Structures are given as structure tokens and as C-alpha cells.
Protein backbone atom coordinates (compact mmCIF):
# COMPACT_ATOMS: atom_id res chain seq x y z
CA UNK A 1 74.80 81.01 117.40
CA UNK A 2 73.06 83.11 120.05
CA UNK A 3 70.27 85.61 120.61
CA UNK A 4 72.61 88.58 120.10
CA UNK A 5 71.38 91.76 118.40
CA UNK A 6 72.34 90.83 114.84
CA UNK A 7 71.22 92.89 111.86
CA UNK A 8 69.31 90.76 109.31
CA UNK A 9 71.83 91.61 106.57
CA UNK A 10 74.84 90.40 108.57
CA UNK A 11 76.48 87.14 107.47
CA UNK A 12 77.27 84.79 110.36
CA UNK A 13 79.27 81.58 109.97
CA UNK A 14 77.71 78.56 111.71
CA UNK A 15 80.91 78.07 113.75
CA UNK A 16 80.88 81.63 115.13
CA UNK A 17 80.05 82.29 118.78
CA UNK A 18 78.45 85.62 119.65
CA UNK A 19 77.56 86.63 123.20
CA UNK A 20 73.87 87.54 123.66
CA UNK A 21 74.83 91.08 124.71
CA UNK A 22 76.87 91.76 121.55
CA UNK A 23 75.62 93.86 118.62
CA UNK A 24 76.40 93.07 114.97
CA UNK A 25 75.68 95.80 112.41
CA UNK A 26 74.43 95.67 108.83
CA UNK A 27 76.39 93.72 106.26
CA UNK A 28 79.03 92.71 108.78
CA UNK A 29 80.66 89.31 108.28
CA UNK A 30 81.37 87.19 111.34
CA UNK A 31 83.29 84.29 109.90
CA UNK A 32 84.72 80.93 110.96
CA UNK A 33 85.84 80.44 114.57
CA UNK A 34 84.99 83.99 115.52
CA UNK A 35 84.23 84.21 119.25
CA UNK A 36 82.71 87.58 120.17
CA UNK A 37 82.56 88.42 123.88
CA UNK A 38 80.03 90.31 126.01
CA UNK A 39 79.17 93.87 125.11
CA UNK A 40 81.14 93.92 121.85
CA UNK A 41 79.84 96.06 118.99
CA UNK A 42 80.60 95.10 115.41
CA UNK A 43 80.06 97.90 112.90
CA UNK A 44 78.63 97.81 109.40
CA UNK A 45 80.68 95.95 106.78
CA UNK A 46 83.30 94.87 109.32
CA UNK A 47 84.86 91.45 108.77
CA UNK A 48 85.91 89.19 111.65
CA UNK A 49 87.17 85.63 111.42
CA UNK A 50 89.42 83.32 113.39
CA UNK A 51 89.34 85.82 116.26
CA UNK A 52 88.75 85.34 119.98
CA UNK A 53 87.95 88.57 121.75
CA UNK A 54 86.94 89.52 125.27
CA UNK A 55 84.33 92.01 126.38
CA UNK A 56 83.49 95.56 125.41
CA UNK A 57 85.43 95.74 122.14
CA UNK A 58 84.25 98.19 119.46
CA UNK A 59 84.94 97.23 115.85
CA UNK A 60 84.05 100.15 113.61
CA UNK A 61 82.67 99.96 110.05
CA UNK A 62 84.96 98.48 107.44
CA UNK A 63 87.56 97.12 109.84
CA UNK A 64 89.16 93.71 109.28
CA UNK A 65 90.01 91.62 112.32
CA UNK A 66 91.55 88.14 112.20
CA UNK A 67 91.94 88.11 108.43
CA UNK A 68 94.71 86.05 106.75
CA UNK A 69 98.36 87.05 107.13
CA UNK A 70 100.06 88.95 104.33
CA UNK A 71 102.87 86.42 104.33
CA UNK A 72 103.79 84.36 101.27
CA UNK A 73 104.73 81.45 103.56
CA UNK A 74 101.20 81.29 104.92
CA UNK A 75 99.62 78.10 103.58
CA UNK A 76 96.12 78.39 105.01
CA UNK A 77 96.90 76.84 108.39
CA UNK A 78 94.27 77.52 111.03
CA UNK A 79 95.52 80.25 113.35
CA UNK A 80 93.97 82.95 115.55
CA UNK A 81 93.94 86.58 116.54
CA UNK A 82 93.38 86.92 120.29
CA UNK A 83 92.11 90.27 121.62
CA UNK A 84 91.50 91.29 125.22
CA UNK A 85 88.86 93.70 126.53
CA UNK A 86 87.76 97.25 125.67
CA UNK A 87 89.75 97.70 122.49
CA UNK A 88 88.66 100.04 119.71
CA UNK A 89 89.40 99.25 116.07
CA UNK A 90 88.58 102.16 113.77
CA UNK A 91 87.55 102.23 110.12
CA UNK A 92 89.77 100.43 107.65
CA UNK A 93 92.19 99.04 110.23
CA UNK A 94 93.56 95.56 109.48
CA UNK A 95 94.55 93.16 112.25
CA UNK A 96 95.82 89.87 110.83
CA UNK A 97 95.87 86.50 112.54
CA UNK A 98 99.06 84.52 113.12
CA UNK A 99 101.00 82.02 111.06
CA UNK A 100 102.45 78.62 111.86
CA UNK A 101 105.43 80.43 113.42
CA UNK A 102 103.49 81.16 116.62
CA UNK A 103 99.88 80.30 115.81
CA UNK A 104 98.40 83.62 116.87
CA UNK A 105 98.54 87.38 116.93
CA UNK A 106 97.90 88.68 120.46
CA UNK A 107 96.42 92.05 121.48
CA UNK A 108 95.90 93.15 125.08
CA UNK A 109 93.27 95.34 126.75
CA UNK A 110 92.25 98.97 126.19
CA UNK A 111 94.07 99.42 122.89
CA UNK A 112 93.15 101.91 120.17
CA UNK A 113 93.85 101.15 116.51
CA UNK A 114 93.07 104.28 114.53
CA UNK A 115 91.92 104.43 110.91
CA UNK A 116 93.96 102.35 108.44
CA UNK A 117 96.47 101.15 111.04
CA UNK A 118 97.84 97.65 110.50
CA UNK A 119 98.94 94.85 112.84
CA UNK A 120 100.62 92.05 110.94
CA UNK A 121 100.83 88.35 111.70
CA UNK A 122 102.29 87.03 114.96
CA UNK A 123 102.56 90.46 116.59
CA UNK A 124 102.29 90.90 120.35
CA UNK A 125 100.63 94.16 121.36
CA UNK A 126 100.35 94.95 125.08
CA UNK A 127 97.75 96.85 127.08
CA UNK A 128 96.76 100.50 126.57
CA UNK A 129 98.66 100.79 123.29
CA UNK A 130 97.68 103.40 120.68
CA UNK A 131 98.45 103.07 116.99
CA UNK A 132 97.65 106.35 115.27
CA UNK A 133 96.33 106.58 111.68
CA UNK A 134 98.18 104.52 109.06
CA UNK A 135 100.73 103.03 111.44
CA UNK A 136 102.10 99.71 110.15
CA UNK A 137 103.51 96.97 112.39
CA UNK A 138 105.30 94.28 110.39
CA UNK A 139 105.21 90.62 111.34
CA UNK A 140 106.38 89.44 114.77
CA UNK A 141 106.64 92.96 116.21
CA UNK A 142 106.20 93.37 119.98
CA UNK A 143 104.81 96.58 121.49
CA UNK A 144 104.87 97.10 125.27
CA UNK A 145 102.13 98.50 127.50
CA UNK A 146 101.17 102.19 127.25
CA UNK A 147 103.23 102.84 124.14
CA UNK A 148 102.03 105.24 121.44
CA UNK A 149 103.04 105.01 117.78
CA UNK A 150 102.54 108.23 115.80
CA UNK A 151 100.76 108.47 112.45
CA UNK A 152 102.33 106.92 109.35
CA UNK A 153 105.13 105.32 111.40
CA UNK A 154 106.41 101.88 110.46
CA UNK A 155 108.02 99.20 112.62
CA UNK A 156 110.30 96.57 111.05
CA UNK A 157 109.51 92.88 111.45
CA UNK A 158 110.75 91.27 114.68
CA UNK A 159 111.48 94.66 116.26
CA UNK A 160 110.52 95.12 119.91
CA UNK A 161 109.08 98.31 121.35
CA UNK A 162 109.30 98.61 125.14
CA UNK A 163 106.77 99.99 127.61
CA UNK A 164 105.79 103.68 127.74
CA UNK A 165 107.52 104.46 124.45
CA UNK A 166 106.54 107.38 122.24
CA UNK A 167 107.27 107.01 118.53
CA UNK A 168 107.02 110.17 116.45
CA UNK A 169 104.86 110.51 113.36
CA UNK A 170 106.47 109.14 110.22
CA UNK A 171 109.23 107.33 112.11
CA UNK A 172 110.74 104.22 110.54
CA UNK A 173 111.77 101.99 113.43
CA UNK A 174 114.24 99.35 112.33
CA UNK A 175 115.68 98.29 115.68
CA UNK A 176 114.47 97.54 119.20
CA UNK A 177 113.41 100.51 121.28
CA UNK A 178 114.04 100.53 125.05
CA UNK A 179 111.21 101.23 127.46
CA UNK A 180 110.41 104.82 128.48
CA UNK A 181 112.10 106.34 125.42
CA UNK A 182 111.00 108.55 122.54
CA UNK A 183 112.20 108.33 118.97
CA UNK A 184 111.58 109.85 115.57
CA UNK A 185 113.04 110.01 112.07
CA UNK A 186 114.01 107.74 109.21
CA UNK A 187 115.83 105.72 110.34
CA UNK A 188 114.47 106.42 113.80
CA UNK A 189 116.85 107.65 116.49
CA UNK A 190 116.27 108.16 120.19
CA UNK A 191 115.29 111.70 121.15
CA UNK A 192 115.09 111.39 124.93
CA UNK A 193 112.74 109.98 127.54
CA UNK A 194 108.97 109.91 127.72
CA UNK A 195 108.87 111.90 130.96
CA UNK A 196 105.21 112.77 130.56
CA UNK A 197 104.30 109.11 130.19
CA UNK A 198 106.32 108.20 133.28
CA UNK A 199 104.64 110.94 135.31
CA UNK A 200 101.21 109.76 134.19
CA UNK A 201 102.17 106.25 135.22
CA UNK A 202 103.00 107.48 138.72
CA UNK A 203 106.66 106.47 138.72
CA UNK A 204 108.46 107.74 141.79
CA UNK A 205 110.84 110.66 141.18
CA UNK A 206 113.79 108.53 142.32
CA UNK A 207 112.89 105.92 139.71
CA UNK A 208 112.61 108.58 137.00
CA UNK A 209 115.98 110.00 138.08
CA UNK A 210 117.54 106.52 137.85
CA UNK A 211 116.12 106.06 134.36
CA UNK A 212 117.54 109.44 133.31
CA UNK A 213 120.98 108.53 134.62
CA UNK A 214 120.82 105.13 132.91
CA UNK A 215 119.87 106.75 129.59
CA UNK A 216 122.82 109.13 129.77
CA UNK A 217 125.25 106.37 130.70
CA UNK A 218 123.99 103.99 128.02
CA UNK A 219 123.55 106.36 125.11
CA UNK A 220 125.33 109.66 125.72
CA UNK A 221 128.45 108.94 127.78
CA UNK A 222 130.65 107.72 124.94
CA UNK A 223 131.57 104.50 126.77
CA UNK A 224 130.84 100.99 125.53
CA UNK A 225 127.46 99.46 126.28
CA UNK A 226 129.06 96.80 128.46
CA UNK A 227 130.88 99.38 130.57
CA UNK A 228 127.72 101.46 130.96
CA UNK A 229 125.66 98.45 132.02
CA UNK A 230 128.29 97.46 134.59
CA UNK A 231 128.09 100.95 136.13
CA UNK A 232 124.31 101.18 136.36
CA UNK A 233 123.28 97.61 137.12
CA UNK A 234 124.10 97.43 140.83
CA UNK A 235 121.25 98.76 142.94
CA UNK A 236 119.20 99.73 139.90
CA UNK A 237 115.40 99.79 140.19
CA UNK A 238 113.38 97.24 138.19
CA UNK A 239 112.69 99.76 135.43
CA UNK A 240 116.41 100.22 134.73
CA UNK A 241 116.98 96.47 134.89
CA UNK A 242 114.17 96.16 132.33
CA UNK A 243 116.08 98.41 129.93
CA UNK A 244 119.30 96.47 130.54
CA UNK A 245 117.52 93.18 129.81
CA UNK A 246 116.12 94.59 126.57
CA UNK A 247 119.59 95.57 125.44
CA UNK A 248 121.18 92.27 126.43
CA UNK A 249 118.51 90.15 124.70
CA UNK A 250 118.12 92.26 121.55
CA UNK A 251 118.51 90.45 118.24
CA UNK A 252 117.98 93.42 115.93
CA UNK A 253 120.09 95.88 117.87
CA UNK A 254 118.97 98.90 119.88
CA UNK A 255 117.73 102.24 118.60
CA UNK A 256 120.25 104.92 119.65
CA UNK A 257 120.51 108.71 119.60
CA UNK A 258 121.60 110.48 116.44
CA UNK A 259 125.32 110.71 115.81
CA UNK A 260 126.81 113.59 117.75
CA UNK A 261 124.39 113.57 120.67
CA UNK A 262 126.16 114.75 123.83
CA UNK A 263 125.88 113.75 127.46
CA UNK A 264 125.02 117.29 128.51
CA UNK A 265 122.00 117.40 126.19
CA UNK A 266 118.73 117.70 128.06
CA UNK A 267 116.82 114.42 128.34
CA UNK A 268 113.24 115.50 127.69
CA UNK A 269 109.83 114.18 126.70
């Protein structure tokens, strides 16, 4: 225990560690093995347990962080949720800790989890990720840096979302999604490239052009994936090689454009 600003109605487990600069609101529960970093603010009625978080995180009222996995195989083993710095977890969001499969759920820095969003056990969420209201990530999902998942979207267990992806509201993502792409629909299909996200990231125009060409070769040219990769691999920038690696290592398969998409279609945000 510490000299943190803790409301007298809060319930603090003896094993919890709370930085002196943290604030814990009324009726909050800071449970076993919770480690709350500098400048964190824990709202009223929030529940945190088996969580290790960095500095500057804001946990809003009624959020649940580090609570048990919703996995029937979970047998009470001691696992963790690890969170970086400056994340915001809004009301009613649920971020579950890991299972024996990996031992932890991991969340990066500067993430926003809007109201009633859900991160299941053993997920890996990168930096600067936004989950909009009521998004649900199933177990073992990976989400790359700067990706945004629109409201009420769902991502299937073990699926991987690349960097700078934009997932439309209500999308049901059942397969891996390459970096820099957008998708929407049930089942989700690719709808182009996240050009706005790439511009905001400061990618050079030559890099963006290479990504556009790679997208057209891979998904709109009508050739096999192997043939397309062979054509674009040589001399490709790291961002294109990243997409190739995602395709070559995918276990669930890759999200693709809707049937009938043509090479001459405009690749847009």
C-alpha cells in the first residue's frame, strides 16, 4: 500500500501496489496483484485485479480491467493483464487477463477503449489503437499500432489485424487483415487502403505508391498470390514486405476484396 489519493470507500487488496501520485475513486476495487503506476486515475466502481499498468492511465467508472477470462478452459491460474502508458478505458469496458496459453493479455500505449468495448484473454493490442463502442475482440486477437476498429465490430479469435488498419462499424472480421487496409461488412471484405492514416503517419509518397501497387497486384490483378508476391517482393519497401510477411505467415487466411472487385477500381481510404 501507499499514500495515494484513495477514497475511503474504495476496497484495496493488501497485495495491490498503488503509486503515491495515483487517484482511486469511490467504491472502486483494486484487487490482488494490481500494480497501478504514476498518475493513473481509477474511477468510481471500477474493478482492477491482476493488472500491471504504466503511467497516466485513466480507468473510467464501471470499467473492468484484468478480470478473469471468459474461457471455459480457464481453471483459475494466476495470469496478468499488462497495460502501457496513457491509455483510456471508458465506462463498462472489459479487458480480461490471459490464460495458461500465454499467461497475459498485453496492451500498448495511448490506446482508447470506448464504452462497452471488450478485449478478451491473451490478446495483443499495439500502441495508439482505438476500439469504438461495443467492439469485441475474441481471444488471442492481435491488433497492430494505429489501427481503429469501428463500433459494434467483432474480430474472430486468433485473427491478426495489421498496422494502420481501419475496420468499419459493424464489420465481422473472420480472417487476418493486412496492414494499411480498410474493411467492412459481414463477413468483412477489403475496401481499399487507409490513405488518410498513411498520410497522417508521414509515409513518403513513394512508399504509399508502392503499397497501392502491391494491393492491386495481390488482390485485384486476378493472378495467384504466389505470382503476385514474386512480382512485388524485389526492391519493395519495408511496408510492402510487412504485408507479404503477414500473408505468408497467416493461419486463418487473409481478408480479401469482395467477389468481382476489379484492378481498375480506385484504391481509396
